[in-house]
Amino acid sequence: MKGGRRNLRDQIAGVLFIAVGAAIAWKAQSYRVGPPSDSGPGFFPYYLGLLLAGLGVAITAVASFTQDPEAERFGFRPRTFLGVLLPVVVFGAMLMPMGLVASAFVAVLLSSFASREVTWRGALVNSVTLSVIVLLGFALILKIQIPVWPQFLVQR
């Protein structure tokens, strides 16, 4: 493929996956990992970190050895940056007073607008769907001890 350029975004993403995965696996070793039959609190984060680092190696390798003739130049896009960062901050700020469901709904809705291709209908459907999945997965199945509903609805 003449005239193509390496996919710098994928290369950077791969390196970040490697760094974060390695850091998670390294920190998880300070907890008891144990074998699968007697796993400790460090078991899941340790192997998840290794998996993330391995995924980063694969992404970096593919991006390094392939050329993409339509690869965009790497640049800063404020809309995308805020569309990823802002929902995380809002989720953290809303979680305790507004509960898991409302926080997840707002975070997913805000993150939907990081792309210019989003529609209001798609963003709302995505927000409702993921809020239900979060409710089922974290509150009902895993029984995570965090507020599920806004405080003003559950306090009497």
N, C-alpha and C. Protein backbone atom coordinates (compact mmCIF):
# COMPACT_ATOMS: atom_id res chain seq x y z
N MET A 1 0.83 -1.18 0.00
CA MET A 1 0.00 0.00 0.00
C MET A 1 0.87 1.24 0.00
N LYS A 2 1.08 1.80 -1.13
CA LYS A 2 1.92 2.98 -1.22
C LYS A 2 1.18 4.18 -0.66
N GLY A 3 1.93 5.07 -0.06
CA GLY A 3 1.36 6.31 0.42
C GLY A 3 0.63 6.18 1.74
N GLY A 4 0.58 4.99 2.30
CA GLY A 4 -0.10 4.81 3.58
C GLY A 4 0.79 5.25 4.74
N ARG A 5 0.19 5.45 5.86
CA ARG A 5 0.97 5.78 7.04
C ARG A 5 0.53 4.88 8.18
N ARG A 6 1.43 4.71 9.09
CA ARG A 6 1.15 3.89 10.26
C ARG A 6 0.01 4.52 11.05
N ASN A 7 -0.75 3.69 11.70
CA ASN A 7 -1.86 4.19 12.49
C ASN A 7 -1.35 4.60 13.87
N LEU A 8 -0.97 5.85 14.01
CA LEU A 8 -0.38 6.36 15.24
C LEU A 8 -1.34 6.26 16.41
N ARG A 9 -2.62 6.48 16.18
CA ARG A 9 -3.60 6.39 17.27
C ARG A 9 -3.61 4.99 17.87
N ASP A 10 -3.62 3.98 17.03
CA ASP A 10 -3.62 2.61 17.54
C ASP A 10 -2.31 2.28 18.24
N GLN A 11 -1.22 2.79 17.73
CA GLN A 11 0.07 2.55 18.39
C GLN A 11 0.08 3.17 19.79
N ILE A 12 -0.38 4.40 19.91
CA ILE A 12 -0.43 5.06 21.21
C ILE A 12 -1.40 4.34 22.14
N ALA A 13 -2.55 3.95 21.63
CA ALA A 13 -3.53 3.22 22.44
C ALA A 13 -2.94 1.90 22.93
N GLY A 14 -2.24 1.19 22.07
CA GLY A 14 -1.61 -0.06 22.46
C GLY A 14 -0.58 0.12 23.56
N VAL A 15 0.25 1.14 23.43
CA VAL A 15 1.26 1.41 24.45
C VAL A 15 0.59 1.78 25.78
N LEU A 16 -0.49 2.56 25.73
CA LEU A 16 -1.21 2.91 26.95
C LEU A 16 -1.85 1.67 27.59
N PHE A 17 -2.39 0.77 26.78
CA PHE A 17 -2.95 -0.49 27.30
C PHE A 17 -1.85 -1.28 28.01
N ILE A 18 -0.68 -1.35 27.40
CA ILE A 18 0.44 -2.08 28.01
C ILE A 18 0.81 -1.46 29.35
N ALA A 19 0.94 -0.13 29.38
CA ALA A 19 1.35 0.55 30.60
C ALA A 19 0.32 0.38 31.71
N VAL A 20 -0.95 0.59 31.39
CA VAL A 20 -2.00 0.47 32.41
C VAL A 20 -2.14 -0.98 32.87
N GLY A 21 -2.14 -1.91 31.94
CA GLY A 21 -2.24 -3.32 32.30
C GLY A 21 -1.09 -3.78 33.17
N ALA A 22 0.12 -3.37 32.82
CA ALA A 22 1.28 -3.75 33.62
C ALA A 22 1.21 -3.12 35.01
N ALA A 23 0.78 -1.88 35.11
CA ALA A 23 0.65 -1.22 36.42
C ALA A 23 -0.40 -1.92 37.29
N ILE A 24 -1.51 -2.29 36.69
CA ILE A 24 -2.56 -2.99 37.44
C ILE A 24 -2.05 -4.35 37.93
N ALA A 25 -1.40 -5.10 37.04
CA ALA A 25 -0.88 -6.42 37.42
C ALA A 25 0.20 -6.28 38.51
N TRP A 26 1.05 -5.28 38.39
CA TRP A 26 2.11 -5.07 39.37
C TRP A 26 1.50 -4.73 40.74
N LYS A 27 0.52 -3.82 40.76
CA LYS A 27 -0.11 -3.43 42.03
C LYS A 27 -0.90 -4.59 42.62
N ALA A 28 -1.54 -5.40 41.80
CA ALA A 28 -2.34 -6.53 42.29
C ALA A 28 -1.48 -7.57 42.98
N GLN A 29 -0.20 -7.60 42.68
CA GLN A 29 0.69 -8.56 43.34
C GLN A 29 0.89 -8.26 44.81
N SER A 30 0.54 -7.04 45.24
CA SER A 30 0.66 -6.71 46.66
C SER A 30 -0.48 -7.35 47.46
N TYR A 31 -1.47 -7.89 46.78
CA TYR A 31 -2.55 -8.65 47.41
C TYR A 31 -2.30 -10.13 47.15
N ARG A 32 -2.97 -10.97 47.90
CA ARG A 32 -2.85 -12.41 47.68
C ARG A 32 -3.58 -12.76 46.39
N VAL A 33 -2.85 -13.35 45.43
CA VAL A 33 -3.44 -13.73 44.14
C VAL A 33 -4.02 -15.14 44.25
N GLY A 34 -3.19 -16.10 44.55
CA GLY A 34 -3.64 -17.48 44.73
C GLY A 34 -4.00 -18.16 43.42
N PRO A 35 -4.17 -19.49 43.49
CA PRO A 35 -4.58 -20.23 42.28
C PRO A 35 -6.08 -20.06 42.03
N PRO A 36 -6.56 -20.43 40.85
CA PRO A 36 -8.00 -20.27 40.55
C PRO A 36 -8.92 -20.97 41.55
N SER A 37 -8.48 -22.09 42.12
CA SER A 37 -9.34 -22.81 43.06
C SER A 37 -9.41 -22.13 44.42
N ASP A 38 -8.45 -21.25 44.73
CA ASP A 38 -8.44 -20.54 46.00
C ASP A 38 -7.98 -19.10 45.75
N SER A 39 -8.70 -18.42 44.88
CA SER A 39 -8.26 -17.09 44.46
C SER A 39 -8.42 -16.08 45.59
N GLY A 40 -7.47 -15.17 45.62
CA GLY A 40 -7.48 -14.11 46.61
C GLY A 40 -7.96 -12.80 45.99
N PRO A 41 -7.91 -11.71 46.76
CA PRO A 41 -8.40 -10.42 46.26
C PRO A 41 -7.58 -9.86 45.10
N GLY A 42 -6.36 -10.34 44.91
CA GLY A 42 -5.53 -9.85 43.81
C GLY A 42 -5.66 -10.67 42.54
N PHE A 43 -6.40 -11.77 42.59
CA PHE A 43 -6.49 -12.68 41.45
C PHE A 43 -7.09 -11.99 40.22
N PHE A 44 -8.27 -11.44 40.36
CA PHE A 44 -8.96 -10.83 39.22
C PHE A 44 -8.19 -9.64 38.65
N PRO A 45 -7.78 -8.66 39.47
CA PRO A 45 -7.03 -7.54 38.87
C PRO A 45 -5.69 -7.95 38.26
N TYR A 46 -5.03 -8.95 38.85
CA TYR A 46 -3.75 -9.38 38.30
C TYR A 46 -3.92 -9.93 36.89
N TYR A 47 -4.83 -10.87 36.73
CA TYR A 47 -5.02 -11.47 35.41
C TYR A 47 -5.70 -10.52 34.43
N LEU A 48 -6.53 -9.65 34.92
CA LEU A 48 -7.12 -8.63 34.05
C LEU A 48 -6.05 -7.68 33.54
N GLY A 49 -5.11 -7.30 34.42
CA GLY A 49 -3.99 -6.45 34.01
C GLY A 49 -3.12 -7.12 32.97
N LEU A 50 -2.83 -8.41 33.17
CA LEU A 50 -2.06 -9.15 32.17
C LEU A 50 -2.79 -9.23 30.84
N LEU A 51 -4.09 -9.46 30.90
CA LEU A 51 -4.90 -9.52 29.68
C LEU A 51 -4.89 -8.18 28.95
N LEU A 52 -5.02 -7.10 29.71
CA LEU A 52 -5.00 -5.76 29.12
C LEU A 52 -3.64 -5.47 28.48
N ALA A 53 -2.57 -5.83 29.16
CA ALA A 53 -1.23 -5.63 28.60
C ALA A 53 -1.03 -6.47 27.34
N GLY A 54 -1.51 -7.70 27.36
CA GLY A 54 -1.41 -8.56 26.17
C GLY A 54 -2.19 -8.00 25.00
N LEU A 55 -3.37 -7.47 25.29
CA LEU A 55 -4.16 -6.82 24.25
C LEU A 55 -3.41 -5.62 23.69
N GLY A 56 -2.75 -4.88 24.56
CA GLY A 56 -1.95 -3.73 24.12
C GLY A 56 -0.80 -4.14 23.21
N VAL A 57 -0.15 -5.26 23.52
CA VAL A 57 0.93 -5.77 22.67
C VAL A 57 0.38 -6.10 21.29
N ALA A 58 -0.77 -6.77 21.24
CA ALA A 58 -1.38 -7.15 19.96
C ALA A 58 -1.77 -5.91 19.15
N ILE A 59 -2.39 -4.94 19.80
CA ILE A 59 -2.81 -3.71 19.10
C ILE A 59 -1.59 -2.95 18.56
N THR A 60 -0.56 -2.84 19.39
CA THR A 60 0.65 -2.12 18.97
C THR A 60 1.33 -2.83 17.80
N ALA A 61 1.40 -4.16 17.87
CA ALA A 61 2.06 -4.93 16.79
C ALA A 61 1.30 -4.76 15.48
N VAL A 62 0.00 -4.91 15.52
CA VAL A 62 -0.79 -4.77 14.28
C VAL A 62 -0.66 -3.36 13.72
N ALA A 63 -0.73 -2.36 14.59
CA ALA A 63 -0.62 -0.97 14.13
C ALA A 63 0.77 -0.65 13.61
N SER A 64 1.78 -1.32 14.13
CA SER A 64 3.16 -1.04 13.71
C SER A 64 3.51 -1.68 12.38
N PHE A 65 2.89 -2.79 12.06
CA PHE A 65 3.27 -3.52 10.85
C PHE A 65 2.27 -3.40 9.71
N THR A 66 1.27 -2.58 9.88
CA THR A 66 0.32 -2.35 8.78
C THR A 66 0.30 -0.87 8.44
N GLN A 67 -0.07 -0.61 7.23
CA GLN A 67 -0.22 0.77 6.80
C GLN A 67 -1.67 1.01 6.44
N ASP A 68 -2.14 2.18 6.77
CA ASP A 68 -3.51 2.55 6.47
C ASP A 68 -3.48 3.79 5.58
N PRO A 69 -3.85 3.64 4.30
CA PRO A 69 -3.77 4.79 3.40
C PRO A 69 -4.71 5.92 3.79
N GLU A 70 -5.71 5.61 4.60
CA GLU A 70 -6.67 6.64 4.99
C GLU A 70 -6.52 7.03 6.45
N ALA A 71 -5.40 6.68 7.07
CA ALA A 71 -5.20 7.02 8.48
C ALA A 71 -5.16 8.53 8.64
N GLU A 72 -5.87 9.01 9.63
CA GLU A 72 -5.92 10.44 9.89
C GLU A 72 -4.67 10.86 10.63
N ARG A 73 -4.34 12.12 10.49
CA ARG A 73 -3.26 12.65 11.30
C ARG A 73 -3.75 12.71 12.75
N PHE A 74 -2.83 12.43 13.65
CA PHE A 74 -3.15 12.47 15.06
C PHE A 74 -3.27 13.92 15.49
N GLY A 75 -4.33 14.26 16.16
CA GLY A 75 -4.51 15.62 16.62
C GLY A 75 -5.46 15.67 17.80
N PHE A 76 -5.48 16.78 18.48
CA PHE A 76 -6.32 16.97 19.65
C PHE A 76 -7.70 17.42 19.18
N ARG A 77 -8.73 16.74 19.67
CA ARG A 77 -10.10 17.09 19.36
C ARG A 77 -10.83 17.36 20.67
N PRO A 78 -11.08 18.62 20.99
CA PRO A 78 -11.69 18.96 22.28
C PRO A 78 -13.03 18.26 22.52
N ARG A 79 -13.86 18.16 21.49
CA ARG A 79 -15.17 17.53 21.67
C ARG A 79 -15.02 16.07 22.10
N THR A 80 -14.12 15.36 21.47
CA THR A 80 -13.89 13.96 21.83
C THR A 80 -13.26 13.86 23.21
N PHE A 81 -12.30 14.71 23.50
CA PHE A 81 -11.63 14.70 24.80
C PHE A 81 -12.65 14.94 25.92
N LEU A 82 -13.46 15.96 25.77
CA LEU A 82 -14.47 16.25 26.80
C LEU A 82 -15.56 15.18 26.84
N GLY A 83 -15.87 14.60 25.69
CA GLY A 83 -16.88 13.55 25.63
C GLY A 83 -16.46 12.28 26.32
N VAL A 84 -15.17 12.11 26.56
CA VAL A 84 -14.67 10.95 27.29
C VAL A 84 -14.41 11.32 28.75
N LEU A 85 -13.82 12.46 29.01
CA LEU A 85 -13.45 12.86 30.37
C LEU A 85 -14.65 13.32 31.20
N LEU A 86 -15.47 14.18 30.65
CA LEU A 86 -16.59 14.76 31.39
C LEU A 86 -17.56 13.71 31.95
N PRO A 87 -17.97 12.70 31.18
CA PRO A 87 -18.89 11.70 31.74
C PRO A 87 -18.32 10.95 32.95
N VAL A 88 -17.02 10.71 32.97
CA VAL A 88 -16.41 10.03 34.11
C VAL A 88 -16.49 10.90 35.35
N VAL A 89 -16.18 12.18 35.20
CA VAL A 89 -16.24 13.12 36.32
C VAL A 89 -17.68 13.28 36.81
N VAL A 90 -18.61 13.43 35.88
CA VAL A 90 -20.03 13.58 36.25
C VAL A 90 -20.55 12.32 36.94
N PHE A 91 -20.17 11.14 36.44
CA PHE A 91 -20.58 9.90 37.07
C PHE A 91 -20.10 9.85 38.52
N GLY A 92 -18.84 10.17 38.74
CA GLY A 92 -18.30 10.15 40.10
C GLY A 92 -18.98 11.15 41.01
N ALA A 93 -19.29 12.32 40.49
CA ALA A 93 -19.95 13.35 41.31
C ALA A 93 -21.41 13.00 41.60
N MET A 94 -22.06 12.33 40.69
CA MET A 94 -23.49 12.02 40.84
C MET A 94 -23.77 10.73 41.60
N LEU A 95 -22.82 9.82 41.67
CA LEU A 95 -23.09 8.47 42.16
C LEU A 95 -23.74 8.44 43.54
N MET A 96 -23.17 9.07 44.51
CA MET A 96 -23.72 8.98 45.87
C MET A 96 -25.07 9.71 46.02
N PRO A 97 -25.20 10.95 45.56
CA PRO A 97 -26.49 11.60 45.76
C PRO A 97 -27.60 11.12 44.82
N MET A 98 -27.25 10.74 43.59
CA MET A 98 -28.28 10.41 42.60
C MET A 98 -28.42 8.91 42.33
N GLY A 99 -27.48 8.11 42.79
CA GLY A 99 -27.58 6.67 42.62
C GLY A 99 -26.98 6.18 41.31
N LEU A 100 -26.85 4.86 41.25
CA LEU A 100 -26.17 4.20 40.14
C LEU A 100 -26.91 4.36 38.81
N VAL A 101 -28.21 4.19 38.82
CA VAL A 101 -28.97 4.19 37.57
C VAL A 101 -28.94 5.57 36.91
N ALA A 102 -29.23 6.62 37.67
CA ALA A 102 -29.22 7.98 37.10
C ALA A 102 -27.81 8.39 36.67
N SER A 103 -26.81 8.02 37.46
CA SER A 103 -25.43 8.37 37.13
C SER A 103 -24.98 7.69 35.85
N ALA A 104 -25.31 6.41 35.72
CA ALA A 104 -24.95 5.68 34.50
C ALA A 104 -25.67 6.26 33.30
N PHE A 105 -26.95 6.57 33.45
CA PHE A 105 -27.73 7.14 32.35
C PHE A 105 -27.09 8.44 31.85
N VAL A 106 -26.79 9.35 32.77
CA VAL A 106 -26.22 10.64 32.38
C VAL A 106 -24.82 10.47 31.79
N ALA A 107 -24.01 9.61 32.37
CA ALA A 107 -22.65 9.40 31.86
C ALA A 107 -22.66 8.84 30.44
N VAL A 108 -23.53 7.87 30.19
CA VAL A 108 -23.60 7.28 28.84
C VAL A 108 -24.16 8.31 27.86
N LEU A 109 -25.16 9.08 28.29
CA LEU A 109 -25.73 10.10 27.41
C LEU A 109 -24.68 11.14 27.04
N LEU A 110 -23.93 11.62 28.02
CA LEU A 110 -22.88 12.61 27.74
C LEU A 110 -21.79 12.04 26.84
N SER A 111 -21.37 10.81 27.10
CA SER A 111 -20.29 10.22 26.29
C SER A 111 -20.73 9.95 24.86
N SER A 112 -22.02 9.81 24.64
CA SER A 112 -22.52 9.58 23.28
C SER A 112 -22.20 10.74 22.35
N PHE A 113 -22.10 11.92 22.91
CA PHE A 113 -21.90 13.09 22.08
C PHE A 113 -20.43 13.41 21.81
N ALA A 114 -19.54 12.47 22.12
CA ALA A 114 -18.14 12.61 21.73
C ALA A 114 -18.01 12.45 20.22
N SER A 115 -18.97 11.79 19.62
CA SER A 115 -18.97 11.58 18.17
C SER A 115 -19.95 12.54 17.50
N ARG A 116 -19.59 12.99 16.34
CA ARG A 116 -20.49 13.88 15.58
C ARG A 116 -21.61 13.11 14.90
N GLU A 117 -21.49 11.79 14.86
CA GLU A 117 -22.46 10.96 14.15
C GLU A 117 -23.63 10.52 15.01
N VAL A 118 -23.66 10.94 16.27
CA VAL A 118 -24.70 10.49 17.20
C VAL A 118 -26.02 11.20 16.92
N THR A 119 -27.10 10.48 17.19
CA THR A 119 -28.43 11.08 17.13
C THR A 119 -29.01 11.06 18.54
N TRP A 120 -29.95 11.95 18.79
CA TRP A 120 -30.58 11.98 20.11
C TRP A 120 -31.25 10.65 20.42
N ARG A 121 -31.92 10.10 19.44
CA ARG A 121 -32.62 8.83 19.65
C ARG A 121 -31.63 7.71 19.99
N GLY A 122 -30.54 7.62 19.24
CA GLY A 122 -29.53 6.61 19.51
C GLY A 122 -28.90 6.78 20.87
N ALA A 123 -28.63 8.02 21.25
CA ALA A 123 -28.02 8.30 22.55
C ALA A 123 -28.97 7.90 23.69
N LEU A 124 -30.25 8.21 23.54
CA LEU A 124 -31.23 7.86 24.57
C LEU A 124 -31.42 6.35 24.68
N VAL A 125 -31.51 5.66 23.54
CA VAL A 125 -31.66 4.20 23.57
C VAL A 125 -30.44 3.56 24.21
N ASN A 126 -29.26 4.04 23.84
CA ASN A 126 -28.03 3.52 24.42
C ASN A 126 -27.98 3.77 25.93
N SER A 127 -28.37 4.95 26.37
CA SER A 127 -28.35 5.29 27.79
C SER A 127 -29.30 4.43 28.60
N VAL A 128 -30.51 4.25 28.09
CA VAL A 128 -31.49 3.42 28.80
C VAL A 128 -31.01 1.97 28.85
N THR A 129 -30.56 1.45 27.72
CA THR A 129 -30.10 0.06 27.66
C THR A 129 -28.95 -0.20 28.62
N LEU A 130 -27.94 0.66 28.60
CA LEU A 130 -26.79 0.45 29.47
C LEU A 130 -27.13 0.69 30.94
N SER A 131 -28.07 1.58 31.23
CA SER A 131 -28.49 1.77 32.62
C SER A 131 -29.18 0.53 33.16
N VAL A 132 -29.99 -0.11 32.33
CA VAL A 132 -30.64 -1.36 32.74
C VAL A 132 -29.60 -2.46 32.96
N ILE A 133 -28.62 -2.54 32.06
CA ILE A 133 -27.56 -3.55 32.20
C ILE A 133 -26.77 -3.31 33.48
N VAL A 134 -26.45 -2.04 33.77
CA VAL A 134 -25.72 -1.70 35.00
C VAL A 134 -26.56 -2.07 36.22
N LEU A 135 -27.85 -1.76 36.20
CA LEU A 135 -28.73 -2.11 37.31
C LEU A 135 -28.77 -3.61 37.53
N LEU A 136 -28.97 -4.37 36.47
CA LEU A 136 -29.03 -5.82 36.59
C LEU A 136 -27.69 -6.40 37.04
N GLY A 137 -26.61 -5.97 36.38
CA GLY A 137 -25.30 -6.56 36.65
C GLY A 137 -24.74 -6.20 38.01
N PHE A 138 -24.71 -4.91 38.33
CA PHE A 138 -24.03 -4.50 39.56
C PHE A 138 -24.93 -4.51 40.79
N ALA A 139 -26.17 -4.07 40.65
CA ALA A 139 -27.03 -3.97 41.82
C ALA A 139 -27.75 -5.28 42.14
N LEU A 140 -28.28 -5.96 41.14
CA LEU A 140 -29.08 -7.14 41.39
C LEU A 140 -28.28 -8.44 41.39
N ILE A 141 -27.35 -8.60 40.45
CA ILE A 141 -26.59 -9.85 40.37
C ILE A 141 -25.39 -9.83 41.32
N LEU A 142 -24.55 -8.79 41.22
CA LEU A 142 -23.35 -8.72 42.07
C LEU A 142 -23.64 -8.15 43.46
N LYS A 143 -24.77 -7.48 43.60
CA LYS A 143 -25.18 -6.88 44.88
C LYS A 143 -24.12 -5.93 45.45
N ILE A 144 -23.57 -5.09 44.58
CA ILE A 144 -22.59 -4.08 44.99
C ILE A 144 -23.30 -3.10 45.93
N GLN A 145 -22.65 -2.76 47.02
CA GLN A 145 -23.25 -1.90 48.04
C GLN A 145 -23.05 -0.42 47.72
N ILE A 146 -23.77 0.06 46.73
CA ILE A 146 -23.78 1.48 46.40
C ILE A 146 -25.22 1.89 46.18
N PRO A 147 -25.52 3.17 46.36
CA PRO A 147 -26.91 3.60 46.15
C PRO A 147 -27.34 3.34 44.71
N VAL A 148 -28.52 2.79 44.56
CA VAL A 148 -29.04 2.48 43.23
C VAL A 148 -29.93 3.60 42.73
N TRP A 149 -30.72 4.17 43.61
CA TRP A 149 -31.69 5.21 43.25
C TRP A 149 -31.32 6.53 43.94
N PRO A 150 -31.82 7.65 43.44
CA PRO A 150 -31.54 8.95 44.08
C PRO A 150 -32.00 8.96 45.54
N GLN A 151 -31.24 9.66 46.38
CA GLN A 151 -31.53 9.71 47.82
C GLN A 151 -32.92 10.24 48.10
N PHE A 152 -33.37 11.25 47.33
CA PHE A 152 -34.67 11.83 47.62
C PHE A 152 -35.83 10.87 47.31
N LEU A 153 -35.59 9.83 46.53
CA LEU A 153 -36.63 8.84 46.26
C LEU A 153 -36.70 7.75 47.32
N VAL A 154 -35.57 7.44 47.96
CA VAL A 154 -35.55 6.32 48.89
C VAL A 154 -35.63 6.76 50.35
N GLN A 155 -35.39 8.03 50.66
CA GLN A 155 -35.50 8.50 52.04
C GLN A 155 -36.93 8.88 52.32
N ARG A 156 -37.35 8.52 53.51
CA ARG A 156 -38.73 8.88 53.90
C ARG A 156 -38.70 9.64 55.19
